[in-house]
N, C-alpha and C. Protein backbone atom coordinates (compact mmCIF):
# COMPACT_ATOMS: atom_id res chain seq x y z
N UNK A 1 9.61 20.91 2.18
CA UNK A 1 9.18 19.58 2.16
C UNK A 1 9.89 18.71 1.18
N UNK A 2 10.20 17.57 1.12
CA UNK A 2 10.88 16.92 0.19
C UNK A 2 10.18 15.79 -0.34
N UNK A 3 10.09 15.48 -1.56
CA UNK A 3 9.44 14.15 -2.05
C UNK A 3 9.77 12.87 -1.46
N UNK A 4 8.84 12.20 -1.13
CA UNK A 4 9.24 10.94 -0.14
C UNK A 4 9.91 9.94 -0.97
N UNK A 5 9.42 10.05 -2.46
CA UNK A 5 10.17 8.97 -3.34
C UNK A 5 11.67 9.31 -3.92
N UNK A 6 11.84 10.53 -4.17
CA UNK A 6 13.17 11.03 -4.70
C UNK A 6 13.98 12.01 -4.12
N UNK A 7 13.23 12.75 -3.03
CA UNK A 7 13.96 13.72 -2.27
C UNK A 7 13.98 15.09 -2.91
N UNK A 8 13.34 15.19 -3.98
CA UNK A 8 13.22 16.66 -4.72
C UNK A 8 12.35 17.47 -4.07
N UNK A 9 12.37 18.65 -4.06
CA UNK A 9 11.21 19.57 -3.58
C UNK A 9 9.94 19.36 -4.13
N UNK A 10 9.03 19.26 -3.28
CA UNK A 10 7.57 19.11 -3.64
C UNK A 10 7.04 20.14 -4.56
N UNK A 11 6.20 19.68 -5.35
CA UNK A 11 5.37 20.63 -6.25
C UNK A 11 3.93 20.60 -5.86
N UNK A 12 3.54 21.77 -5.63
CA UNK A 12 2.19 21.89 -5.16
C UNK A 12 1.06 21.07 -5.72
N UNK A 13 1.05 21.03 -7.22
CA UNK A 13 0.24 20.15 -7.83
C UNK A 13 0.18 18.67 -7.45
N UNK A 14 1.22 18.28 -7.06
CA UNK A 14 1.38 16.76 -6.75
C UNK A 14 1.72 16.41 -5.23
N UNK A 15 1.50 17.46 -4.35
CA UNK A 15 2.05 17.23 -3.12
C UNK A 15 1.65 16.17 -2.40
N UNK A 16 2.27 15.33 -1.58
CA UNK A 16 3.54 15.67 -1.40
C UNK A 16 4.65 15.14 -2.15
N UNK A 17 4.48 14.85 -3.41
CA UNK A 17 5.38 14.41 -4.33
C UNK A 17 5.99 15.64 -5.22
N UNK A 18 6.90 15.32 -5.89
CA UNK A 18 7.58 16.42 -6.86
C UNK A 18 6.81 16.31 -8.30
N UNK A 19 6.22 15.18 -8.74
CA UNK A 19 5.75 14.88 -9.92
C UNK A 19 4.74 13.91 -10.05
N UNK A 20 4.07 13.56 -11.21
CA UNK A 20 3.13 12.64 -11.43
C UNK A 20 3.84 11.21 -11.40
N UNK A 21 5.05 11.07 -11.79
CA UNK A 21 5.77 9.99 -11.98
C UNK A 21 6.10 9.27 -10.35
N UNK A 22 6.49 10.28 -9.50
CA UNK A 22 6.71 9.83 -8.28
C UNK A 22 5.51 9.32 -7.46
N UNK A 23 4.35 10.19 -7.80
CA UNK A 23 3.00 9.69 -7.22
C UNK A 23 2.66 8.31 -7.57
N UNK A 24 3.09 7.92 -8.91
CA UNK A 24 2.69 6.70 -9.51
C UNK A 24 3.83 5.60 -9.09
N UNK A 25 4.98 5.97 -8.55
CA UNK A 25 5.86 5.02 -8.17
C UNK A 25 5.46 4.62 -6.61
N UNK A 26 4.83 5.55 -5.85
CA UNK A 26 4.33 5.31 -4.33
C UNK A 26 3.08 4.47 -4.46
N UNK A 27 2.20 4.67 -5.43
CA UNK A 27 1.10 4.13 -5.57
C UNK A 27 1.33 2.48 -6.02
N UNK A 28 2.28 2.34 -6.88
CA UNK A 28 2.63 1.06 -7.11
C UNK A 28 3.23 0.40 -6.07
N UNK A 29 3.99 1.01 -5.09
CA UNK A 29 4.66 0.40 -3.95
C UNK A 29 3.30 0.06 -3.02
N UNK A 30 2.35 0.74 -2.79
CA UNK A 30 1.11 0.49 -2.07
C UNK A 30 0.52 -0.92 -2.63
N UNK A 31 0.33 -1.06 -3.89
CA UNK A 31 -0.38 -2.07 -4.60
C UNK A 31 0.19 -3.27 -4.43
N UNK A 32 1.61 -2.96 -4.54
CA UNK A 32 2.66 -4.46 -4.50
C UNK A 32 2.64 -4.86 -2.96
N UNK A 33 2.29 -4.02 -2.19
CA UNK A 33 2.40 -4.57 -0.69
C UNK A 33 3.58 -4.02 -0.11
N UNK A 34 4.51 -3.29 -0.63
CA UNK A 34 5.80 -2.96 -0.16
C UNK A 34 5.60 -2.14 1.20
N UNK A 35 4.46 -1.53 1.63
CA UNK A 35 4.46 -0.71 2.69
C UNK A 35 3.55 -1.55 3.79
N UNK A 36 4.18 -2.27 4.71
CA UNK A 36 3.51 -3.11 5.54
C UNK A 36 3.85 -2.69 7.04
N UNK A 37 2.95 -2.85 8.02
CA UNK A 37 3.32 -2.78 9.19
C UNK A 37 3.81 -4.01 9.90
N UNK A 38 5.13 -4.13 10.37
CA UNK A 38 5.53 -5.46 10.67
C UNK A 38 4.63 -5.96 12.05
N UNK A 39 4.36 -7.26 12.04
CA UNK A 39 3.49 -7.85 13.08
C UNK A 39 3.27 -9.24 12.89
N UNK A 40 2.32 -9.92 13.47
CA UNK A 40 1.89 -11.25 13.43
C UNK A 40 0.62 -11.27 12.85
N UNK A 41 0.15 -12.17 12.20
CA UNK A 41 -1.32 -12.22 11.77
C UNK A 41 -2.10 -12.76 12.82
N UNK A 42 -3.23 -12.14 13.23
CA UNK A 42 -3.98 -12.34 14.18
C UNK A 42 -4.90 -13.57 13.72
N UNK A 43 -5.39 -14.35 14.86
CA UNK A 43 -6.13 -15.43 14.68
C UNK A 43 -7.35 -15.23 13.61
N UNK A 44 -8.05 -14.04 13.93
CA UNK A 44 -9.23 -13.58 13.25
C UNK A 44 -8.75 -13.59 11.59
N UNK A 45 -7.61 -13.16 11.20
CA UNK A 45 -7.12 -13.01 9.85
C UNK A 45 -7.03 -14.42 9.45
N UNK A 46 -6.65 -15.33 10.13
CA UNK A 46 -6.22 -16.69 9.69
C UNK A 46 -7.47 -17.38 9.24
N UNK A 47 -8.60 -17.23 9.89
CA UNK A 47 -9.71 -18.05 9.72
C UNK A 47 -10.27 -17.63 8.45
N UNK A 48 -10.86 -18.84 7.75
CA UNK A 48 -11.32 -18.65 6.27
C UNK A 48 -12.57 -17.76 6.28
N UNK A 49 -13.15 -17.27 5.45
CA UNK A 49 -14.40 -16.45 5.18
C UNK A 49 -15.60 -17.64 5.12
N UNK A 50 -16.33 -17.77 6.26
CA UNK A 50 -17.45 -18.66 6.34
C UNK A 50 -18.38 -18.47 4.98
N UNK A 51 -18.57 -17.53 4.33
CA UNK A 51 -19.17 -17.46 3.06
C UNK A 51 -18.48 -17.90 1.94
N UNK A 52 -17.37 -17.91 2.07
CA UNK A 52 -16.35 -18.22 0.72
C UNK A 52 -16.09 -19.82 0.92
N UNK A 53 -16.40 -20.40 1.94
CA UNK A 53 -16.08 -21.66 2.24
C UNK A 53 -16.96 -22.65 1.28
N UNK A 54 -16.53 -23.68 0.79
CA UNK A 54 -17.08 -24.62 -0.07
C UNK A 54 -17.51 -25.83 0.67
N UNK A 55 -18.75 -26.39 0.63
CA UNK A 55 -18.95 -27.49 1.46
C UNK A 55 -19.05 -28.74 0.61
N UNK A 56 -18.62 -29.93 1.18
CA UNK A 56 -18.75 -31.24 0.52
C UNK A 56 -20.03 -31.83 0.85
N UNK A 57 -20.53 -32.33 -0.34
CA UNK A 57 -21.89 -32.97 -0.19
C UNK A 57 -22.98 -32.64 -0.94
């Protein structure tokens, strides 16, 4: 099995990665939002949270 980040052989300690560095690179990609499933935003996702809305008055 190859590391999904750099392609080197995996290391059992860091599986499926070859090193802590590659594991951290992958985590950073997740946190930045680089891994997304293509599609459209559903209507439910477009609505603001009722508890987060501010009311005038």
